[in-house]
Amino acid sequence: EEVLVLRRAKLAAFGSTRYKGVKTEEDANVRALVEAETEVVTLVCKAWDMQVEVVLETTLEENLAMIKDTVDYFKELGKEVMVDMEHFFDGFRLNPDYALATLDAARNADVFVLCDTNGGTLPQNISAAVTHVRSLFPNALGIHCHNDMDLAVANSIAAVGAGATVVQGTINGIGERTGNASLTSIIPILALKMNIPCLVENTHTDSPPAEPAAEGGAGSALPKIARGVPGMTALSRFVDEVINNPHVGSRAFVGNSAFAHKGGLHVAAVMKNADTYQHIDPGAVGNVRRVLVSELSGRGNILTKAREMGLYAAANSARTAAGELPLDDESAWKLRSKGILARVKALENQGYTFEGAEASVELMIRRSTPEYVAPFEVLDFTVITGHRKDQEADAAIPFEGSVSQATVKLELSGALCMVGDEHGVDGHCPRETHLEVAEGNGPVDALNGAMRKALFVSYPDLADVTLVDYKVRILDNDNATRAITRVMIEFAHARTQKRWTTVSAHANIIVASLNALVDGFEYAMFQSMEVNAQHARAAAEAAVGLRVEPVRAEAAI
């Protein structure tokens, strides 16, 4: 029998008070809580008189007895008892005397968790109620908020400010209706903004709580108490992945767009001082700053992306230090960025959107450099969708047995080689032409299959690349079937866990899909080469004990 060993967390058995008219020790729910053998027991108690009479269908006096009997029973068993006072704030607003009487009945509990179950209470009312309860009872106070007015986080923080020391919530605010208070927002606020030690250092099982930290801005060093906070973003996305929820880019702190900058003036300011448009360092929560490119961007956005990609400034400074002429001077990149920005605006006028398709932007920047050579080029493609009558037997959907077949002819330019030196010269694969055919569950699936077959021969690393999302949007509904269609495809790499999105728009959905696929695979090739270069650099360092300078992707072109 396996024993669950928890270093910091405590597992709580969750249930309710005894049923009306039933002895505590004979109640089935109470017996189940005892059999759970947990150190902590959490009991749901009704704190609103209307709920008692309408939902429980019992008297107010019996509800108080149910609370007292159940709490006292578990305290006699030596349990740590938390009482979730359901609908407390509604009850306190409409019948404060009875709401406080329910707390008095539970006075032997270790923690009073005051619940805004309907999510309809304002922060100032939360604060006032918690303050009042704190003045009457010595018990530790907790807060449990629902997000029906988008105030669950604000209400939780207000409760902590008024004296609550326990916060109930969920990762990413998952919960019924509009959700619960999000711990991925609350924990960073408590740690980074209020200097409250809600997390201890992850160093040793017996580590003492960390000391309160000093005030700090976006550029400050992480407070000692917040060393666990950089795991917030990874935790948020891990939970999304486990429960198969799409990532919400607009989530505070952990969202993909939480530290994204688009406006040209904003980007220029952030590059001078990050505090101008960032309230914290993104790394404090494990996130990263992103510079987006769109019709609102300035040339600084393009230059910043080029720097992030290692195409501008870093390589030139190294060459200058070595006494060599720079690959591109500042004026050349400024001129180039102007052309890229003009192309972005022109494409967005045709239906593209680059805010969520950074891979397409990166490729556009790479393609603007004179030394760029695409690793492959699609020369020709054909897609056929036909109907096979023999495969259809009493189908519920007409033509359900239809099959799509794609033929793709492409040329490998030899710009990148991923199969080893024995297959190429100086890292270059030979120029080859491939013609492949594949069937699929629809035309896009067939195209994807044919392209993979053609590319896998020279780029086996693409086997780790999968398509995880495919989005289509009709942009001009008035044109009906002749409308422009925008396609966005999200890719993922199984080994690196990296994700990227590409975009294309065209009146022909097949053409739009093919262009997005081409960008996605081309981006994957550069990513794989960079990973391989990192591995080679690490191996060289281990072999000779020397630091090897980074290898840029374009250096192998």
Protein backbone atom coordinates (compact mmCIF):
# COMPACT_ATOMS: atom_id res chain seq x y z
CA GLU A 1 0.00 0.00 0.00
CA GLU A 2 1.45 3.35 -1.07
CA VAL A 3 1.60 6.15 1.47
CA LEU A 4 1.25 9.72 0.22
CA VAL A 5 4.08 11.83 1.64
CA LEU A 6 3.49 15.58 1.50
CA ARG A 7 6.36 17.88 2.44
CA ARG A 8 4.41 21.12 2.77
CA ALA A 9 0.80 20.57 1.73
CA LYS A 10 -1.93 19.16 3.93
CA LEU A 11 -4.62 16.98 2.47
CA ALA A 12 -8.11 17.92 3.69
CA ALA A 13 -11.17 15.68 3.62
CA PHE A 14 -14.07 17.79 2.36
CA GLY A 15 -17.64 17.27 3.46
CA SER A 16 -20.52 18.88 5.31
CA THR A 17 -22.13 18.97 8.71
CA ARG A 18 -24.32 16.12 9.88
CA TYR A 19 -27.75 15.74 8.32
CA LYS A 20 -30.73 17.23 10.14
CA GLY A 21 -32.18 14.95 12.81
CA VAL A 22 -29.27 12.49 12.63
CA LYS A 23 -26.71 11.80 15.36
CA THR A 24 -23.25 12.99 14.36
CA GLU A 25 -21.50 9.66 14.85
CA GLU A 26 -24.20 7.89 12.78
CA ASP A 27 -24.16 10.29 9.83
CA ALA A 28 -22.86 8.63 6.64
CA ASN A 29 -21.02 11.74 5.45
CA VAL A 30 -19.32 12.19 8.82
CA ARG A 31 -18.25 8.52 8.89
CA ALA A 32 -16.74 8.92 5.41
CA LEU A 33 -14.73 11.93 6.59
CA VAL A 34 -13.43 9.93 9.54
CA GLU A 35 -12.48 7.01 7.31
CA ALA A 36 -10.46 9.36 5.07
CA GLU A 37 -7.93 9.58 7.93
CA THR A 38 -6.75 13.05 6.96
CA GLU A 39 -5.17 15.50 9.36
CA VAL A 40 -7.52 18.26 8.21
CA VAL A 41 -11.30 18.18 7.78
CA THR A 42 -13.20 20.91 5.95
CA LEU A 43 -16.91 21.24 6.68
CA VAL A 44 -19.45 23.17 4.62
CA CYS A 45 -21.85 25.05 6.87
CA LYS A 46 -24.84 27.19 5.97
CA ALA A 47 -24.46 30.78 7.18
CA TRP A 48 -27.46 32.36 5.42
CA ASP A 49 -30.86 31.88 7.03
CA MET A 50 -32.65 31.70 3.67
CA GLN A 51 -30.42 28.81 2.57
CA VAL A 52 -31.15 26.98 5.81
CA GLU A 53 -34.91 27.23 5.45
CA VAL A 54 -35.19 26.79 1.65
CA VAL A 55 -32.34 24.41 0.80
CA LEU A 56 -31.79 22.41 4.01
CA GLU A 57 -35.50 22.65 4.89
CA THR A 58 -34.81 22.77 8.59
CA THR A 59 -35.03 25.26 11.41
CA LEU A 60 -32.41 27.90 12.15
CA GLU A 61 -31.84 26.32 15.58
CA GLU A 62 -31.25 22.86 14.09
CA ASN A 63 -28.70 24.28 11.64
CA LEU A 64 -26.76 25.80 14.56
CA ALA A 65 -26.84 22.44 16.33
CA MET A 66 -25.67 20.66 13.16
CA ILE A 67 -22.68 23.01 12.95
CA LYS A 68 -21.72 22.79 16.62
CA ASP A 69 -22.15 19.01 16.90
CA THR A 70 -20.07 18.25 13.81
CA VAL A 71 -17.24 20.69 14.60
CA ASP A 72 -16.97 19.49 18.19
CA TYR A 73 -17.03 15.85 17.08
CA PHE A 74 -14.00 16.25 14.82
CA LYS A 75 -12.12 18.37 17.35
CA GLU A 76 -12.56 15.57 19.89
CA LEU A 77 -10.94 13.27 17.31
CA GLY A 78 -7.94 15.60 17.21
CA LYS A 79 -8.55 16.93 13.71
CA GLU A 80 -7.70 20.37 12.39
CA VAL A 81 -11.10 21.74 11.39
CA MET A 82 -11.85 24.36 8.78
CA VAL A 83 -15.46 25.49 8.36
CA ASP A 84 -16.51 26.86 4.97
CA MET A 85 -19.29 29.26 5.94
CA GLU A 86 -21.25 29.08 2.71
CA HIS A 87 -23.06 32.28 1.61
CA PHE A 88 -21.63 34.07 4.62
CA PHE A 89 -21.50 37.53 3.02
CA ASP A 90 -25.07 37.30 1.70
CA GLY A 91 -26.21 36.15 5.12
CA PHE A 92 -24.21 38.86 6.88
CA ARG A 93 -25.76 41.51 4.63
CA LEU A 94 -29.37 40.35 5.10
CA ASN A 95 -29.34 38.87 8.61
CA PRO A 96 -26.02 39.65 10.31
CA ASP A 97 -27.11 38.34 13.70
CA TYR A 98 -27.77 34.85 12.37
CA ALA A 99 -24.63 34.77 10.21
CA LEU A 100 -22.56 35.60 13.31
CA ALA A 101 -24.52 33.00 15.31
CA THR A 102 -23.33 30.31 12.86
CA LEU A 103 -19.75 31.35 13.55
CA ASP A 104 -20.36 31.19 17.27
CA ALA A 105 -21.72 27.65 16.84
CA ALA A 106 -18.44 26.74 15.09
CA ARG A 107 -16.24 28.58 17.59
CA ASN A 108 -14.11 25.49 18.30
CA ALA A 109 -13.02 25.28 14.66
CA ASP A 110 -9.47 26.25 13.78
CA VAL A 111 -10.34 28.38 10.74
CA PHE A 112 -13.48 30.28 9.75
CA VAL A 113 -13.53 30.42 5.94
CA LEU A 114 -15.96 33.17 4.94
CA CYS A 115 -17.49 32.40 1.55
CA ASP A 116 -18.81 34.71 -1.14
CA THR A 117 -20.56 31.77 -2.75
CA ASN A 118 -22.68 33.77 -5.19
CA GLY A 119 -19.78 36.03 -6.12
CA GLY A 120 -21.88 39.17 -5.72
CA THR A 121 -20.08 41.06 -2.95
CA LEU A 122 -17.94 44.16 -3.49
CA PRO A 123 -14.39 44.42 -2.10
CA GLN A 124 -15.25 47.15 0.41
CA ASN A 125 -18.06 45.01 1.82
CA ILE A 126 -15.75 42.01 2.03
CA SER A 127 -13.24 44.10 3.95
CA ALA A 128 -15.85 45.49 6.36
CA ALA A 129 -17.32 42.05 7.12
CA VAL A 130 -13.92 40.42 7.69
CA THR A 131 -12.88 43.28 9.94
CA HIS A 132 -16.07 42.90 11.99
CA VAL A 133 -15.68 39.13 12.36
CA ARG A 134 -12.05 39.55 13.34
CA SER A 135 -13.09 41.92 16.15
CA LEU A 136 -15.44 39.27 17.60
CA PHE A 137 -13.65 35.94 17.20
CA PRO A 138 -10.04 34.84 17.82
CA ASN A 139 -10.18 32.10 15.18
CA ALA A 140 -8.01 32.28 12.07
CA LEU A 141 -9.98 33.67 9.15
CA GLY A 142 -10.06 32.48 5.57
CA ILE A 143 -11.69 33.72 2.37
CA HIS A 144 -13.41 31.82 -0.45
CA CYS A 145 -14.59 33.88 -3.43
CA HIS A 146 -16.39 33.13 -6.66
CA ASN A 147 -15.82 35.22 -9.75
CA ASP A 148 -19.33 36.09 -10.89
CA MET A 149 -18.52 39.82 -11.01
CA ASP A 150 -14.88 39.34 -12.00
CA LEU A 151 -13.89 40.38 -8.46
CA ALA A 152 -12.79 37.08 -6.92
CA VAL A 153 -9.10 38.06 -6.83
CA ALA A 154 -9.83 41.62 -5.66
CA ASN A 155 -12.16 40.33 -2.94
CA SER A 156 -9.60 37.79 -1.75
CA ILE A 157 -6.91 40.47 -1.53
CA ALA A 158 -9.33 42.77 0.33
CA ALA A 159 -10.00 40.00 2.85
CA VAL A 160 -6.28 39.46 3.40
CA GLY A 161 -5.88 43.18 3.94
CA ALA A 162 -8.59 43.01 6.61
CA GLY A 163 -6.97 40.11 8.45
CA ALA A 164 -7.66 36.84 6.62
CA THR A 165 -4.69 34.46 6.68
CA VAL A 166 -6.11 31.60 4.59
CA VAL A 167 -7.10 31.99 0.94
CA GLN A 168 -9.02 29.35 -0.94
CA GLY A 169 -8.76 29.37 -4.71
CA THR A 170 -7.89 27.31 -7.75
CA ILE A 171 -5.14 27.34 -10.35
CA ASN A 172 -6.26 29.58 -13.24
CA GLY A 173 -9.51 30.30 -11.40
CA ILE A 174 -11.09 27.03 -12.54
CA GLY A 175 -14.54 26.55 -11.06
CA GLU A 176 -18.26 26.47 -11.64
CA ARG A 177 -20.09 29.28 -13.42
CA THR A 178 -17.47 32.00 -14.00
CA GLY A 179 -14.88 30.35 -11.80
CA ASN A 180 -13.18 30.74 -8.43
CA ALA A 181 -10.45 33.08 -7.25
CA SER A 182 -7.30 32.40 -9.27
CA LEU A 183 -4.28 31.44 -7.19
CA THR A 184 -2.02 32.20 -10.15
CA SER A 185 -2.93 35.86 -9.58
CA ILE A 186 -3.37 35.87 -5.81
CA ILE A 187 -0.01 34.31 -4.96
CA PRO A 188 2.06 36.78 -7.02
CA ILE A 189 0.07 39.70 -5.59
CA LEU A 190 0.61 38.56 -2.02
CA ALA A 191 4.29 37.81 -2.53
CA LEU A 192 5.36 40.57 -4.89
CA LYS A 193 3.00 43.42 -4.03
CA MET A 194 2.09 42.92 -0.37
CA ASN A 195 5.32 41.25 0.79
CA ILE A 196 3.33 38.53 2.54
CA PRO A 197 5.23 35.22 2.88
CA CYS A 198 2.67 32.90 1.31
CA LEU A 199 5.40 30.64 -0.06
CA VAL A 200 8.56 29.44 1.64
CA GLU A 201 11.86 28.72 -0.02
CA ASN A 202 12.08 25.45 -1.91
CA THR A 203 15.37 24.40 -0.36
CA HIS A 204 14.67 21.81 2.31
CA THR A 205 11.73 20.06 3.89
CA ASP A 206 12.31 21.81 7.21
CA SER A 207 13.02 25.26 5.79
CA PRO A 208 11.64 28.01 8.02
CA PRO A 209 9.36 30.70 6.57
CA ALA A 210 11.31 33.37 4.75
CA GLU A 211 11.71 36.89 6.04
CA PRO A 212 9.45 39.66 4.63
CA ALA A 213 10.97 41.34 1.63
CA ALA A 214 11.58 44.97 0.87
CA GLU A 215 9.47 46.91 -1.61
CA GLY A 216 10.57 46.41 -5.21
CA GLY A 217 9.65 47.55 -8.69
CA ALA A 218 9.81 45.80 -12.02
CA GLY A 219 13.57 45.94 -12.16
CA SER A 220 14.18 44.86 -8.56
CA ALA A 221 15.65 41.57 -7.43
CA LEU A 222 13.12 38.94 -6.43
CA PRO A 223 12.03 39.09 -2.80
CA LYS A 224 13.29 36.16 -0.77
CA ILE A 225 9.73 35.04 -0.01
CA ALA A 226 8.89 34.86 -3.71
CA ARG A 227 11.46 32.36 -4.93
CA GLY A 228 8.70 29.85 -5.65
CA VAL A 229 6.69 32.39 -7.65
CA PRO A 230 8.66 31.97 -10.91
CA GLY A 231 6.93 28.60 -11.19
CA MET A 232 3.51 30.23 -11.59
CA THR A 233 3.47 30.42 -15.38
CA ALA A 234 4.65 26.83 -15.85
CA LEU A 235 2.10 25.62 -13.26
CA SER A 236 -0.71 27.51 -14.99
CA ARG A 237 0.06 25.98 -18.37
CA PHE A 238 0.63 22.52 -16.90
CA VAL A 239 -2.86 22.55 -15.38
CA ASP A 240 -4.35 23.77 -18.68
CA GLU A 241 -2.63 20.89 -20.44
CA VAL A 242 -3.74 18.26 -17.94
CA ILE A 243 -7.41 19.26 -18.08
CA ASN A 244 -7.25 19.99 -21.82
CA ASN A 245 -8.23 23.65 -21.48
CA PRO A 246 -6.96 26.17 -24.03
CA HIS A 247 -4.42 28.62 -22.66
CA VAL A 248 -5.96 32.05 -21.97
CA GLY A 249 -3.42 34.57 -23.17
CA SER A 250 -5.00 37.48 -21.31
CA ARG A 251 -4.59 35.99 -17.82
CA ALA A 252 -2.84 38.33 -15.43
CA PHE A 253 0.78 37.40 -14.60
CA VAL A 254 0.84 34.03 -16.39
CA GLY A 255 -0.90 34.69 -19.71
CA ASN A 256 0.99 34.69 -22.97
CA SER A 257 0.01 38.34 -23.44
CA ALA A 258 0.49 39.49 -19.84
CA PHE A 259 3.77 41.22 -20.75
CA ALA A 260 3.21 41.69 -24.48
CA HIS A 261 3.87 45.10 -26.02
CA LYS A 262 2.52 46.19 -29.38
CA GLY A 263 2.31 49.97 -29.68
CA GLY A 264 5.49 51.51 -31.07
CA LEU A 265 5.70 54.13 -28.30
CA HIS A 266 5.28 51.46 -25.64
CA VAL A 267 7.99 49.25 -27.08
CA ALA A 268 10.41 52.15 -27.41
CA ALA A 269 9.82 53.08 -23.77
CA VAL A 270 10.14 49.51 -22.48
CA MET A 271 13.46 49.08 -24.26
CA LYS A 272 14.77 52.14 -22.40
CA ASN A 273 13.32 51.16 -19.01
CA ALA A 274 11.16 48.09 -18.45
CA ASP A 275 9.32 49.79 -15.59
CA THR A 276 7.66 52.23 -17.99
CA TYR A 277 5.03 49.68 -19.09
CA GLN A 278 5.61 46.66 -16.83
CA HIS A 279 4.55 46.55 -13.20
CA ILE A 280 6.95 43.68 -12.43
CA ASP A 281 9.78 41.80 -14.08
CA PRO A 282 8.04 39.01 -16.09
CA GLY A 283 10.67 36.57 -14.83
CA ALA A 284 9.32 37.02 -11.31
CA VAL A 285 6.39 34.81 -12.30
CA GLY A 286 8.25 32.70 -14.87
CA ASN A 287 6.86 34.64 -17.81
CA VAL A 288 8.66 36.54 -20.56
CA ARG A 289 8.30 39.89 -22.26
CA ARG A 290 6.94 39.72 -25.81
CA VAL A 291 7.14 42.37 -28.49
CA LEU A 292 4.26 42.03 -30.93
CA VAL A 293 4.20 43.21 -34.50
CA SER A 294 1.02 44.66 -35.99
CA GLU A 295 -0.32 47.68 -37.81
CA LEU A 296 0.20 49.69 -34.61
CA SER A 297 3.88 48.83 -34.40
CA GLY A 298 6.84 51.07 -35.05
CA ARG A 299 10.24 50.19 -36.44
CA GLY A 300 11.44 49.67 -32.88
CA ASN A 301 9.19 46.59 -32.63
CA ILE A 302 10.93 45.04 -35.64
CA LEU A 303 14.40 45.93 -34.40
CA THR A 304 13.60 44.49 -30.97
CA LYS A 305 12.41 41.23 -32.51
CA ALA A 306 15.57 41.08 -34.63
CA ARG A 307 17.70 41.55 -31.52
CA GLU A 308 15.76 38.81 -29.69
CA MET A 309 16.43 36.49 -32.64
CA GLY A 310 20.15 37.31 -32.63
CA LEU A 311 20.01 38.79 -36.12
CA TYR A 312 20.93 42.34 -35.17
CA ALA A 313 23.40 44.01 -32.80
CA ALA A 314 24.73 40.93 -30.97
CA ALA A 315 26.41 39.40 -34.02
CA ASN A 316 27.66 42.78 -35.25
CA SER A 317 29.23 43.70 -31.93
CA ALA A 318 31.14 40.41 -31.93
CA ARG A 319 32.42 41.00 -35.47
CA THR A 320 33.37 44.59 -34.68
CA ALA A 321 35.31 43.45 -31.61
CA ALA A 322 37.20 41.05 -33.85
CA GLY A 323 38.13 43.86 -36.21
CA GLU A 324 35.74 42.71 -38.94
CA LEU A 325 33.15 44.76 -40.79
CA PRO A 326 29.61 44.35 -39.39
CA LEU A 327 27.17 42.22 -41.33
CA ASP A 328 24.56 44.97 -41.21
CA ASP A 329 24.91 48.43 -39.78
CA GLU A 330 22.19 50.21 -37.88
CA SER A 331 21.02 52.24 -40.85
CA ALA A 332 20.58 49.09 -42.95
CA TRP A 333 18.43 47.44 -40.30
CA LYS A 334 16.34 50.58 -39.87
CA LEU A 335 15.67 50.61 -43.60
CA ARG A 336 14.91 46.90 -43.56
CA SER A 337 12.53 47.27 -40.61
CA LYS A 338 10.63 49.95 -42.52
CA GLY A 339 10.06 47.48 -45.36
CA ILE A 340 8.98 44.71 -42.98
CA LEU A 341 6.54 47.03 -41.24
CA ALA A 342 5.06 48.08 -44.57
CA ARG A 343 4.57 44.42 -45.47
CA VAL A 344 2.92 43.69 -42.10
CA LYS A 345 0.45 46.51 -42.63
CA ALA A 346 -0.27 45.44 -46.19
CA LEU A 347 -0.91 41.83 -45.13
CA GLU A 348 -3.12 42.88 -42.24
CA ASN A 349 -5.19 44.88 -44.70
CA GLN A 350 -5.66 41.59 -46.56
CA GLY A 351 -6.85 39.76 -43.45
CA TYR A 352 -3.69 38.63 -41.68
CA THR A 353 -3.23 39.20 -37.95
CA PHE A 354 0.23 38.79 -36.46
CA GLU A 355 -0.44 39.40 -32.77
CA GLY A 356 -0.93 35.69 -32.13
CA ALA A 357 1.35 34.44 -34.90
CA GLU A 358 4.85 35.39 -33.86
CA ALA A 359 6.41 32.53 -35.83
CA SER A 360 5.19 34.10 -39.07
CA VAL A 361 6.68 37.43 -37.96
CA GLU A 362 10.05 35.85 -37.18
CA LEU A 363 10.14 34.21 -40.58
CA MET A 364 9.28 37.51 -42.25
CA ILE A 365 12.25 39.11 -40.50
CA ARG A 366 14.59 36.25 -41.43
CA ARG A 367 13.44 36.37 -45.05
CA SER A 368 14.29 40.09 -45.21
CA THR A 369 18.02 39.43 -44.75
CA PRO A 370 20.06 39.13 -47.97
CA GLU A 371 21.75 35.90 -46.91
CA TYR A 372 18.49 34.07 -46.18
CA VAL A 373 17.72 30.91 -48.13
CA ALA A 374 14.50 29.03 -47.43
CA PRO A 375 15.13 25.39 -46.47
CA PHE A 376 12.46 24.24 -48.91
CA GLU A 377 10.05 25.54 -51.53
CA VAL A 378 6.68 24.13 -52.54
CA LEU A 379 6.76 23.85 -56.32
CA ASP A 380 3.33 22.41 -56.92
CA PHE A 381 0.41 20.91 -55.03
CA THR A 382 -2.93 19.32 -55.82
CA VAL A 383 -5.77 18.44 -53.46
CA ILE A 384 -8.65 16.19 -54.43
CA THR A 385 -11.66 15.33 -52.31
CA GLY A 386 -13.77 12.52 -53.70
CA HIS A 387 -16.54 10.19 -52.71
CA ARG A 388 -16.23 6.44 -52.51
CA LYS A 389 -19.67 4.89 -52.59
CA ASP A 390 -18.43 1.48 -51.53
CA GLN A 391 -17.26 2.89 -48.18
CA GLU A 392 -20.66 4.31 -47.28
CA ALA A 393 -23.19 2.05 -45.65
CA ASP A 394 -26.29 3.74 -44.25
CA ALA A 395 -24.19 6.80 -43.31
CA ALA A 396 -25.87 9.39 -41.12
CA ILE A 397 -24.06 12.20 -42.98
CA PRO A 398 -24.16 12.44 -46.79
CA PHE A 399 -20.80 11.61 -48.38
CA GLU A 400 -19.43 10.57 -44.98
CA GLY A 401 -17.05 8.19 -46.71
CA SER A 402 -15.32 10.98 -48.65
CA VAL A 403 -11.53 10.85 -48.75
CA SER A 404 -9.08 13.69 -49.44
CA GLN A 405 -5.83 13.12 -51.28
CA ALA A 406 -2.99 15.63 -51.60
CA THR A 407 0.03 15.63 -53.88
CA VAL A 408 2.91 17.92 -52.96
CA LYS A 409 6.05 18.57 -54.97
CA LEU A 410 8.75 20.52 -53.17
CA GLU A 411 12.43 21.27 -53.48
CA LEU A 412 14.84 21.02 -50.57
CA SER A 413 17.29 23.88 -50.97
CA GLY A 414 20.05 22.35 -48.84
CA ALA A 415 20.03 25.45 -46.62
CA LEU A 416 19.74 23.42 -43.41
CA CYS A 417 20.86 19.89 -42.65
CA MET A 418 19.51 17.94 -39.71
CA VAL A 419 20.50 14.38 -40.54
CA GLY A 420 24.21 14.47 -39.81
CA ASP A 421 27.39 15.45 -41.63
CA GLU A 422 27.53 12.20 -43.56
CA HIS A 423 24.47 13.33 -45.53
CA GLY A 424 25.76 16.78 -46.48
CA VAL A 425 28.77 18.96 -46.99
CA ASP A 426 29.59 21.57 -44.34
CA GLY A 427 26.17 21.13 -42.77
CA HIS A 428 24.34 21.52 -46.09
CA CYS A 429 22.04 18.86 -47.46
CA PRO A 430 22.08 18.34 -51.24
CA ARG A 431 19.37 20.12 -53.24
CA GLU A 432 16.63 17.60 -53.92
CA THR A 433 13.11 17.46 -55.33
CA HIS A 434 10.47 15.28 -53.72
CA LEU A 435 7.00 14.36 -54.89
CA GLU A 436 4.74 12.78 -52.28
CA VAL A 437 1.09 11.76 -52.02
CA ALA A 438 -0.95 11.33 -48.83
CA GLU A 439 -4.56 10.75 -47.88
CA GLY A 440 -6.20 12.45 -44.94
CA ASN A 441 -9.33 13.25 -43.03
CA GLY A 442 -9.97 16.34 -45.12
CA PRO A 443 -7.80 18.39 -47.50
CA VAL A 444 -5.66 20.10 -44.84
CA ASP A 445 -4.86 16.82 -43.13
CA ALA A 446 -3.89 15.34 -46.51
CA LEU A 447 -1.63 18.34 -47.27
CA ASN A 448 0.00 18.02 -43.87
CA GLY A 449 0.67 14.33 -44.47
CA ALA A 450 2.16 14.84 -47.93
CA MET A 451 4.43 17.67 -46.77
CA ARG A 452 5.67 15.61 -43.84
CA LYS A 453 6.53 12.68 -46.08
CA ALA A 454 8.49 14.97 -48.39
CA LEU A 455 10.37 16.72 -45.58
CA PHE A 456 11.05 13.80 -43.21
CA VAL A 457 13.71 12.37 -45.52
CA SER A 458 16.08 15.24 -44.78
CA TYR A 459 14.50 16.63 -41.61
CA PRO A 460 13.63 13.69 -39.31
CA ASP A 461 13.39 16.05 -36.31
CA LEU A 462 10.01 17.14 -37.69
CA ALA A 463 8.60 13.86 -36.38
CA ASP A 464 8.42 15.59 -32.98
CA VAL A 465 6.30 18.43 -34.41
CA THR A 466 2.53 18.14 -34.14
CA LEU A 467 -0.41 20.35 -35.08
CA VAL A 468 -2.34 21.13 -31.90
CA ASP A 469 -4.85 23.73 -33.08
CA TYR A 470 -6.38 24.85 -36.37
CA LYS A 471 -8.52 27.98 -36.44
CA VAL A 472 -10.48 29.39 -39.36
CA ARG A 473 -12.25 32.73 -39.52
CA ILE A 474 -14.33 34.23 -42.32
CA LEU A 475 -13.37 37.90 -42.60
CA ASP A 476 -15.88 39.38 -45.05
CA ASN A 477 -19.20 37.62 -44.58
CA ASP A 478 -20.90 39.68 -47.27
CA ASN A 479 -18.91 37.82 -49.94
CA ALA A 480 -20.33 34.50 -48.81
CA THR A 481 -18.39 31.59 -50.35
CA ARG A 482 -15.97 34.04 -52.02
CA ALA A 483 -14.97 35.51 -48.64
CA ILE A 484 -11.38 35.86 -47.46
CA THR A 485 -10.54 33.12 -44.95
CA ARG A 486 -7.91 33.53 -42.25
CA VAL A 487 -6.19 30.38 -41.02
CA MET A 488 -4.08 30.15 -37.87
CA ILE A 489 -2.28 26.91 -37.04
CA GLU A 490 -0.62 26.19 -33.71
CA PHE A 491 2.28 23.74 -33.62
CA ALA A 492 4.01 22.03 -30.70
CA HIS A 493 7.35 20.26 -30.31
CA ALA A 494 7.09 17.10 -28.23
CA ARG A 495 10.63 17.22 -26.79
CA THR A 496 11.11 20.94 -26.17
CA GLN A 497 7.43 21.64 -25.29
CA LYS A 498 7.72 24.83 -27.34
CA ARG A 499 4.63 26.08 -29.18
CA TRP A 500 4.30 28.49 -32.08
CA THR A 501 1.56 29.81 -34.33
CA THR A 502 1.51 30.79 -37.99
CA VAL A 503 -1.08 32.69 -40.00
CA SER A 504 -2.23 33.12 -43.58
CA ALA A 505 -5.29 34.56 -45.32
CA HIS A 506 -6.69 33.85 -48.78
CA ALA A 507 -9.97 33.50 -50.59
CA ASN A 508 -9.06 29.81 -51.02
CA ILE A 509 -8.98 28.11 -47.62
CA ILE A 510 -6.66 25.41 -49.00
CA VAL A 511 -4.09 28.00 -50.08
CA ALA A 512 -4.33 29.78 -46.74
CA SER A 513 -3.84 26.48 -44.92
CA LEU A 514 -0.88 25.47 -47.07
CA ASN A 515 0.89 28.80 -46.47
CA ALA A 516 0.39 28.47 -42.71
CA LEU A 517 1.73 24.89 -42.84
CA VAL A 518 4.80 26.00 -44.81
CA ASP A 519 5.59 28.70 -42.24
CA GLY A 520 5.06 26.28 -39.37
CA PHE A 521 7.45 23.64 -40.71
CA GLU A 522 10.05 26.21 -41.77
CA TYR A 523 9.99 27.74 -38.29
CA ALA A 524 10.34 24.25 -36.76
CA MET A 525 13.48 23.63 -38.81
CA PHE A 526 15.20 26.72 -37.45
CA GLN A 527 14.14 25.83 -33.91
CA SER A 528 15.49 22.29 -34.26
CA MET A 529 18.77 23.54 -35.65
CA GLU A 530 19.17 25.95 -32.74
CA VAL A 531 18.48 23.15 -30.25
CA ASN A 532 21.00 20.91 -32.02
CA ALA A 533 23.53 23.76 -31.94
CA GLN A 534 23.00 24.15 -28.20
CA HIS A 535 23.57 20.42 -27.67
CA ALA A 536 26.72 20.54 -29.79
CA ARG A 537 27.96 23.57 -27.87
CA ALA A 538 27.33 21.84 -24.55
CA ALA A 539 29.17 18.74 -25.74
CA ALA A 540 32.12 20.84 -26.89
CA GLU A 541 32.26 22.64 -23.55
CA ALA A 542 32.21 19.34 -21.71
CA ALA A 543 34.94 17.93 -23.95
CA VAL A 544 37.44 20.76 -23.81
CA GLY A 545 36.29 22.70 -20.76
CA LEU A 546 36.08 25.92 -22.78
CA ARG A 547 33.19 28.27 -23.45
CA VAL A 548 32.10 27.99 -27.06
CA GLU A 549 30.48 31.05 -28.61
CA PRO A 550 26.77 30.62 -29.53
CA VAL A 551 25.99 29.51 -33.06
CA ARG A 552 23.30 31.61 -34.71
CA ALA A 553 20.74 29.89 -36.90
CA GLU A 554 21.53 31.98 -39.95
CA ALA A 555 25.25 31.20 -39.68
CA ALA A 556 24.56 27.76 -41.15
CA ILE A 557 22.68 29.13 -44.13
